[in-house]
Amino acid sequence: MTEMTRDYQAIVWTKDSEKPGQRVTVRARNLDEARKLVEEQFGKEITCSIWNEEDANRTR
């Protein structure tokens, strides 16, 4: 059985402090896969915040 994918939102900052953070959306099975996809797109030398809207809205 294949695991369902969902949209993960991310804000990505590069080492270039002149550039603002960039918002992106990736479709992944889980947070680890989402982080891997963002790193593949922007490189490993980034700072990023990744979340899923469904998880973010869940009561803690």
C-alpha atoms as a PDB file:
ATOM      1  CA  MET A   1       0.000   0.000   0.000  1.00  0.00           C
ATOM      2  CA  THR A   2       1.347   3.452  -0.887  1.00  0.00           C
ATOM      3  CA  GLU A   3       1.379   6.210   1.663  1.00  0.00           C
ATOM      4  CA  MET A   4      -0.676   9.293   0.811  1.00  0.00           C
ATOM      5  CA  THR A   5       1.097  12.522  -0.034  1.00  0.00           C
ATOM      6  CA  ARG A   6       0.172  15.949   1.231  1.00  0.00           C
ATOM      7  CA  ASP A   7       1.258  19.510   0.655  1.00  0.00           C
ATOM      8  CA  TYR A   8       3.997  20.930   2.871  1.00  0.00           C
ATOM      9  CA  GLN A   9       4.639  24.658   2.975  1.00  0.00           C
ATOM     10  CA  ALA A  10       8.166  25.941   3.423  1.00  0.00           C
ATOM     11  CA  ILE A  11       9.985  29.216   3.824  1.00  0.00           C
ATOM     12  CA  VAL A  12      13.562  28.934   2.609  1.00  0.00           C
ATOM     13  CA  TRP A  13      16.415  31.313   3.394  1.00  0.00           C
ATOM     14  CA  THR A  14      19.767  31.045   1.636  1.00  0.00           C
ATOM     15  CA  LYS A  15      23.118  32.249   2.937  1.00  0.00           C
ATOM     16  CA  ASP A  16      22.681  35.411   0.838  1.00  0.00           C
ATOM     17  CA  SER A  17      21.263  37.773   3.468  1.00  0.00           C
ATOM     18  CA  GLU A  18      20.235  40.218   0.715  1.00  0.00           C
ATOM     19  CA  LYS A  19      17.557  37.807  -0.517  1.00  0.00           C
ATOM     20  CA  PRO A  20      14.255  37.496   1.348  1.00  0.00           C
ATOM     21  CA  GLY A  21      12.882  34.117   2.384  1.00  0.00           C
ATOM     22  CA  GLN A  22      11.156  32.270  -0.424  1.00  0.00           C
ATOM     23  CA  ARG A  23       7.828  30.456   0.059  1.00  0.00           C
ATOM     24  CA  VAL A  24       7.477  27.102  -1.682  1.00  0.00           C
ATOM     25  CA  THR A  25       5.103  24.148  -1.609  1.00  0.00           C
ATOM     26  CA  VAL A  26       6.247  20.548  -2.002  1.00  0.00           C
ATOM     27  CA  ARG A  27       4.157  17.391  -2.117  1.00  0.00           C
ATOM     28  CA  ALA A  28       5.560  14.619   0.072  1.00  0.00           C
ATOM     29  CA  ARG A  29       4.595  11.594   2.176  1.00  0.00           C
ATOM     30  CA  ASN A  30       6.077  12.995   5.387  1.00  0.00           C
ATOM     31  CA  LEU A  31       8.109  15.842   6.849  1.00  0.00           C
ATOM     32  CA  ASP A  32      11.467  14.117   6.268  1.00  0.00           C
ATOM     33  CA  GLU A  33      10.690  13.620   2.594  1.00  0.00           C
ATOM     34  CA  ALA A  34       9.513  17.249   2.323  1.00  0.00           C
ATOM     35  CA  ARG A  35      12.804  18.480   3.813  1.00  0.00           C
ATOM     36  CA  LYS A  36      14.759  16.291   1.387  1.00  0.00           C
ATOM     37  CA  LEU A  37      12.837  17.712  -1.591  1.00  0.00           C
ATOM     38  CA  VAL A  38      13.455  21.294  -0.446  1.00  0.00           C
ATOM     39  CA  GLU A  39      17.167  20.596   0.049  1.00  0.00           C
ATOM     40  CA  GLU A  40      17.372  19.021  -3.415  1.00  0.00           C
ATOM     41  CA  GLN A  41      15.828  22.150  -4.898  1.00  0.00           C
ATOM     42  CA  PHE A  42      17.779  24.793  -2.929  1.00  0.00           C
ATOM     43  CA  GLY A  43      20.866  22.976  -1.649  1.00  0.00           C
ATOM     44  CA  LYS A  44      21.855  21.792   1.812  1.00  0.00           C
ATOM     45  CA  GLU A  45      23.243  25.191   2.883  1.00  0.00           C
ATOM     46  CA  ILE A  46      19.804  26.647   3.625  1.00  0.00           C
ATOM     47  CA  THR A  47      17.709  27.484   6.632  1.00  0.00           C
ATOM     48  CA  CYS A  48      14.079  26.491   6.275  1.00  0.00           C
ATOM     49  CA  SER A  49      10.823  26.150   8.108  1.00  0.00           C
ATOM     50  CA  ILE A  50       8.512  23.388   6.846  1.00  0.00           C
ATOM     51  CA  TRP A  51       4.985  22.616   7.969  1.00  0.00           C
ATOM     52  CA  ASN A  52       1.783  20.961   6.884  1.00  0.00           C
ATOM     53  CA  GLU A  53      -1.417  23.039   7.226  1.00  0.00           C
ATOM     54  CA  GLU A  54      -3.390  20.082   8.574  1.00  0.00           C
ATOM     55  CA  ASP A  55      -0.802  19.418  11.292  1.00  0.00           C
ATOM     56  CA  ALA A  56      -0.400  23.120  12.067  1.00  0.00           C
ATOM     57  CA  ASN A  57      -4.135  23.488  12.700  1.00  0.00           C
ATOM     58  CA  ARG A  58      -4.343  20.411  14.936  1.00  0.00           C
ATOM     59  CA  THR A  59      -4.955  21.110  18.656  1.00  0.00           C
ATOM     60  CA  ARG A  60      -1.888  20.438  20.789  1.00  0.00           C
END
